[in-house]
Amino acid sequence: MSRLIIFDLDGTLVDSKPDLVKSVNHVRSEFGFPSLGEDEITGMIGDGAEMLVRRALGAAASEDSVRRGLEEFLTYYSEHMLDASRLYPGVRETLARLGDCRLAVLTNKPWRFSCRMLEGLGIYEWFAAVYGGNSFSEKKPDPIGVHRILADTGASAEGTWMVGDSSVDVLTGRNAGVRTCGVTYGYAAHTFGDHPPDVRIDRFEQLVGTVTG
């Protein structure tokens, strides 16, 4: 049975930070708030679009403000999500070298945006399954997405890796009983201190031999 590798998207396969930062600051400007710096917004990424907007608008934001902010964010991001987002170095070449593995994406990003991003960057065809933050009743770190991908592909948990840039991905893999690989170049490697992955890599190319050996 072939090995299965499940990837996070933002901060793992794709550096989407410039377009996310621009979209968040657009929402803040619509509410009369000043722009935030890149580092501050980067720290908000990882738990889905609604949580990103909640954090961007602040704890005092009403539910109606969050709803309106989310609509504004999704509309703007839909138009600008590929303005500056790029694959991390080595992603395209490494995916081509993983031909003996089944590949999938599990992200907290909305599903339609995830598919559009993968298609726009020319790597959608590599994945046997793609699921987003609105694909299931629960988001990562709930293991429901991993369990669904295992069922889709017929893979075993023992032969599966979850690859991501944050403790959310590590916990997702751990909750599903699969091994975990943390990438240190992404947005939230600092969170590995609380929940360390089984292995870490500094460059995407290091997947070959690390999770396939």
Protein backbone atom coordinates (compact mmCIF):
# COMPACT_ATOMS: atom_id res chain seq x y z
CA MET A 1 0.00 0.00 0.00
CA SER A 2 1.44 3.40 -0.97
CA ARG A 3 2.35 6.02 1.59
CA LEU A 4 -0.03 8.96 2.09
CA ILE A 5 1.17 12.52 2.75
CA ILE A 6 -1.39 15.13 3.84
CA PHE A 7 -0.33 18.75 3.55
CA ASP A 8 -1.45 21.96 5.15
CA LEU A 9 -1.70 24.78 2.57
CA ASP A 10 -0.85 28.30 3.80
CA GLY A 11 2.63 28.41 5.28
CA THR A 12 3.42 24.89 4.07
CA LEU A 13 2.90 24.64 0.31
CA VAL A 14 2.14 28.29 -0.43
CA ASP A 15 3.42 31.60 0.88
CA SER A 16 0.08 33.39 0.78
CA LYS A 17 0.99 35.96 3.40
CA PRO A 18 1.13 39.06 1.13
CA ASP A 19 -2.41 38.61 -0.17
CA LEU A 20 -3.83 37.67 3.24
CA VAL A 21 -2.22 40.73 4.82
CA LYS A 22 -3.62 42.98 2.10
CA SER A 23 -7.10 41.46 2.46
CA VAL A 24 -7.15 41.78 6.25
CA ASN A 25 -6.07 45.41 6.08
CA HIS A 26 -8.75 46.05 3.49
CA VAL A 27 -11.37 44.80 5.95
CA ARG A 28 -9.91 46.90 8.75
CA SER A 29 -9.99 49.98 6.54
CA GLU A 30 -13.67 49.34 5.77
CA PHE A 31 -14.33 49.50 9.52
CA GLY A 32 -12.21 52.61 9.98
CA PHE A 33 -9.29 50.82 11.65
CA PRO A 34 -5.62 51.48 10.83
CA SER A 35 -3.57 48.88 8.99
CA LEU A 36 -1.70 46.22 10.92
CA GLY A 37 1.84 45.08 10.25
CA GLU A 38 2.65 41.87 8.40
CA ASP A 39 3.99 40.08 11.47
CA GLU A 40 0.89 40.87 13.52
CA ILE A 41 -1.46 39.57 10.82
CA THR A 42 0.70 36.50 10.23
CA GLY A 43 0.13 35.55 13.85
CA MET A 44 -3.63 35.52 13.20
CA ILE A 45 -3.47 33.01 10.32
CA GLY A 46 -4.24 29.31 10.67
CA ASP A 47 -7.72 28.79 12.10
CA GLY A 48 -9.88 29.66 9.11
CA ALA A 49 -11.25 32.84 7.55
CA GLU A 50 -13.84 33.63 10.23
CA MET A 51 -11.31 33.44 13.04
CA LEU A 52 -8.88 35.55 11.02
CA VAL A 53 -11.53 38.26 10.66
CA ARG A 54 -12.48 38.02 14.35
CA ARG A 55 -8.88 38.56 15.35
CA ALA A 56 -8.46 41.38 12.83
CA LEU A 57 -11.50 43.26 14.15
CA GLY A 58 -10.67 42.71 17.79
CA ALA A 59 -12.38 41.20 20.80
CA ALA A 60 -14.93 44.02 21.02
CA ALA A 61 -16.35 43.33 17.54
CA SER A 62 -20.02 42.36 17.47
CA GLU A 63 -21.24 39.22 15.74
CA ASP A 64 -22.81 41.40 13.06
CA SER A 65 -19.48 43.14 12.50
CA VAL A 66 -17.72 39.80 12.20
CA ARG A 67 -20.34 38.60 9.71
CA ARG A 68 -20.01 41.75 7.60
CA GLY A 69 -16.24 41.66 7.90
CA LEU A 70 -16.12 38.06 6.78
CA GLU A 71 -18.25 38.81 3.71
CA GLU A 72 -15.99 41.73 2.84
CA PHE A 73 -12.87 39.64 3.37
CA LEU A 74 -14.07 36.73 1.22
CA THR A 75 -15.14 39.05 -1.61
CA TYR A 76 -11.86 40.96 -1.63
CA TYR A 77 -9.66 37.90 -1.14
CA SER A 78 -11.45 36.08 -3.95
CA GLU A 79 -10.32 38.82 -6.31
CA HIS A 80 -6.77 39.16 -5.00
CA MET A 81 -5.73 35.76 -3.60
CA LEU A 82 -3.23 35.09 -6.39
CA ASP A 83 -1.80 38.59 -6.75
CA ALA A 84 1.40 37.79 -4.89
CA SER A 85 0.97 34.28 -3.40
CA ARG A 86 3.64 31.85 -4.55
CA LEU A 87 4.71 28.26 -3.99
CA TYR A 88 7.56 27.88 -1.56
CA PRO A 89 10.91 26.99 -3.16
CA GLY A 90 11.12 23.35 -4.18
CA VAL A 91 7.41 22.54 -3.82
CA ARG A 92 6.66 21.85 -7.47
CA GLU A 93 9.81 19.81 -8.03
CA THR A 94 9.40 17.83 -4.82
CA LEU A 95 5.76 16.93 -5.48
CA ALA A 96 6.91 15.51 -8.81
CA ARG A 97 9.43 13.35 -6.96
CA LEU A 98 6.74 11.96 -4.65
CA GLY A 99 5.05 9.98 -7.41
CA ASP A 100 5.07 6.79 -5.34
CA CYS A 101 2.97 8.48 -2.62
CA ARG A 102 -0.67 9.51 -2.47
CA LEU A 103 -0.91 13.23 -1.75
CA ALA A 104 -3.72 15.27 -0.20
CA VAL A 105 -4.39 18.75 1.20
CA LEU A 106 -6.21 19.45 4.48
CA THR A 107 -6.45 23.14 5.35
CA ASN A 108 -8.60 25.45 7.42
CA LYS A 109 -8.84 27.75 4.40
CA PRO A 110 -12.28 27.65 2.70
CA TRP A 111 -12.44 24.78 0.22
CA ARG A 112 -13.21 26.78 -2.93
CA PHE A 113 -10.33 29.17 -2.27
CA SER A 114 -8.02 26.24 -1.60
CA CYS A 115 -8.88 24.60 -4.91
CA ARG A 116 -8.56 27.88 -6.80
CA MET A 117 -5.16 28.52 -5.26
CA LEU A 118 -3.86 25.05 -6.09
CA GLU A 119 -5.19 25.34 -9.63
CA GLY A 120 -3.84 28.85 -10.10
CA LEU A 121 -0.38 27.79 -8.96
CA GLY A 122 -0.45 24.70 -11.17
CA ILE A 123 -0.30 21.89 -8.62
CA TYR A 124 -3.93 20.84 -8.12
CA GLU A 125 -3.45 17.74 -10.25
CA TRP A 126 -0.99 16.24 -7.80
CA PHE A 127 -3.59 15.73 -5.04
CA ALA A 128 -5.95 12.80 -4.64
CA ALA A 129 -8.09 14.80 -2.19
CA VAL A 130 -8.46 18.44 -1.15
CA TYR A 131 -10.52 19.48 1.88
CA GLY A 132 -10.95 22.92 3.44
CA GLY A 133 -12.12 24.46 6.66
CA ASN A 134 -15.76 24.36 5.56
CA SER A 135 -15.66 20.77 4.30
CA PHE A 136 -16.58 19.22 7.65
CA SER A 137 -18.42 20.06 10.84
CA GLU A 138 -15.10 20.66 12.61
CA LYS A 139 -11.80 22.23 11.54
CA LYS A 140 -8.27 21.11 12.35
CA PRO A 141 -7.06 20.02 14.87
CA ASP A 142 -10.14 17.79 14.85
CA PRO A 143 -9.09 14.57 13.06
CA ILE A 144 -12.28 14.28 10.96
CA GLY A 145 -10.51 15.51 7.82
CA VAL A 146 -7.65 13.06 8.13
CA HIS A 147 -10.08 10.22 8.73
CA ARG A 148 -12.00 11.18 5.59
CA ILE A 149 -8.82 11.28 3.49
CA LEU A 150 -7.77 7.90 4.83
CA ALA A 151 -11.17 6.52 3.78
CA ASP A 152 -10.96 8.22 0.36
CA THR A 153 -7.53 6.83 -0.43
CA GLY A 154 -7.65 3.49 1.36
CA ALA A 155 -4.41 4.39 3.14
CA SER A 156 -3.49 3.21 6.62
CA ALA A 157 -2.80 5.56 9.50
CA GLU A 158 0.53 3.81 10.02
CA GLY A 159 1.67 4.80 6.53
CA THR A 160 0.43 8.40 6.68
CA TRP A 161 2.12 11.72 7.46
CA MET A 162 0.58 15.10 8.28
CA VAL A 163 2.86 17.93 7.12
CA GLY A 164 2.33 21.51 8.30
CA ASP A 165 3.78 24.66 9.77
CA SER A 166 1.98 24.86 13.12
CA SER A 167 0.99 23.04 16.27
CA VAL A 168 -2.55 22.85 14.82
CA ASP A 169 -1.21 20.48 12.15
CA VAL A 170 0.78 18.49 14.69
CA LEU A 171 -2.29 18.07 16.89
CA THR A 172 -4.40 17.12 13.87
CA GLY A 173 -1.99 14.35 12.99
CA ARG A 174 -1.64 13.23 16.57
CA ASN A 175 -5.42 13.15 17.09
CA ALA A 176 -5.75 11.00 13.96
CA GLY A 177 -2.94 8.62 14.90
CA VAL A 178 -0.62 9.54 12.01
CA ARG A 179 2.98 10.75 12.03
CA THR A 180 3.75 14.44 11.82
CA CYS A 181 6.33 16.56 10.01
CA GLY A 182 6.76 20.23 10.83
CA VAL A 183 8.15 22.76 8.35
CA THR A 184 10.21 25.47 10.02
CA TYR A 185 9.97 28.04 7.20
CA GLY A 186 6.22 28.70 7.59
CA TYR A 187 4.18 31.08 9.71
CA ALA A 188 3.92 29.34 13.06
CA ALA A 189 6.97 27.16 13.68
CA HIS A 190 7.26 28.85 17.09
CA THR A 191 4.18 26.86 18.18
CA PHE A 192 6.12 23.60 17.84
CA GLY A 193 7.56 24.31 21.28
CA ASP A 194 4.29 23.24 22.90
CA HIS A 195 3.50 20.43 20.46
CA PRO A 196 6.65 19.17 18.71
CA PRO A 197 6.23 17.19 15.48
CA ASP A 198 7.85 13.81 15.01
CA VAL A 199 10.35 15.36 12.59
CA ARG A 200 11.13 18.87 11.31
CA ILE A 201 12.39 20.05 7.96
CA ASP A 202 13.86 23.42 7.00
CA ARG A 203 13.31 23.07 3.24
CA PHE A 204 10.46 21.40 1.37
CA GLU A 205 12.89 19.26 -0.63
CA GLN A 206 13.83 17.45 2.58
CA LEU A 207 10.49 15.63 2.47
CA VAL A 208 12.07 13.19 0.04
CA GLY A 209 13.85 10.69 2.21
CA THR A 210 12.39 12.09 5.45
CA VAL A 211 8.82 10.87 5.15
CA THR A 212 9.39 8.37 2.35
CA GLY A 213 12.39 6.52 3.71
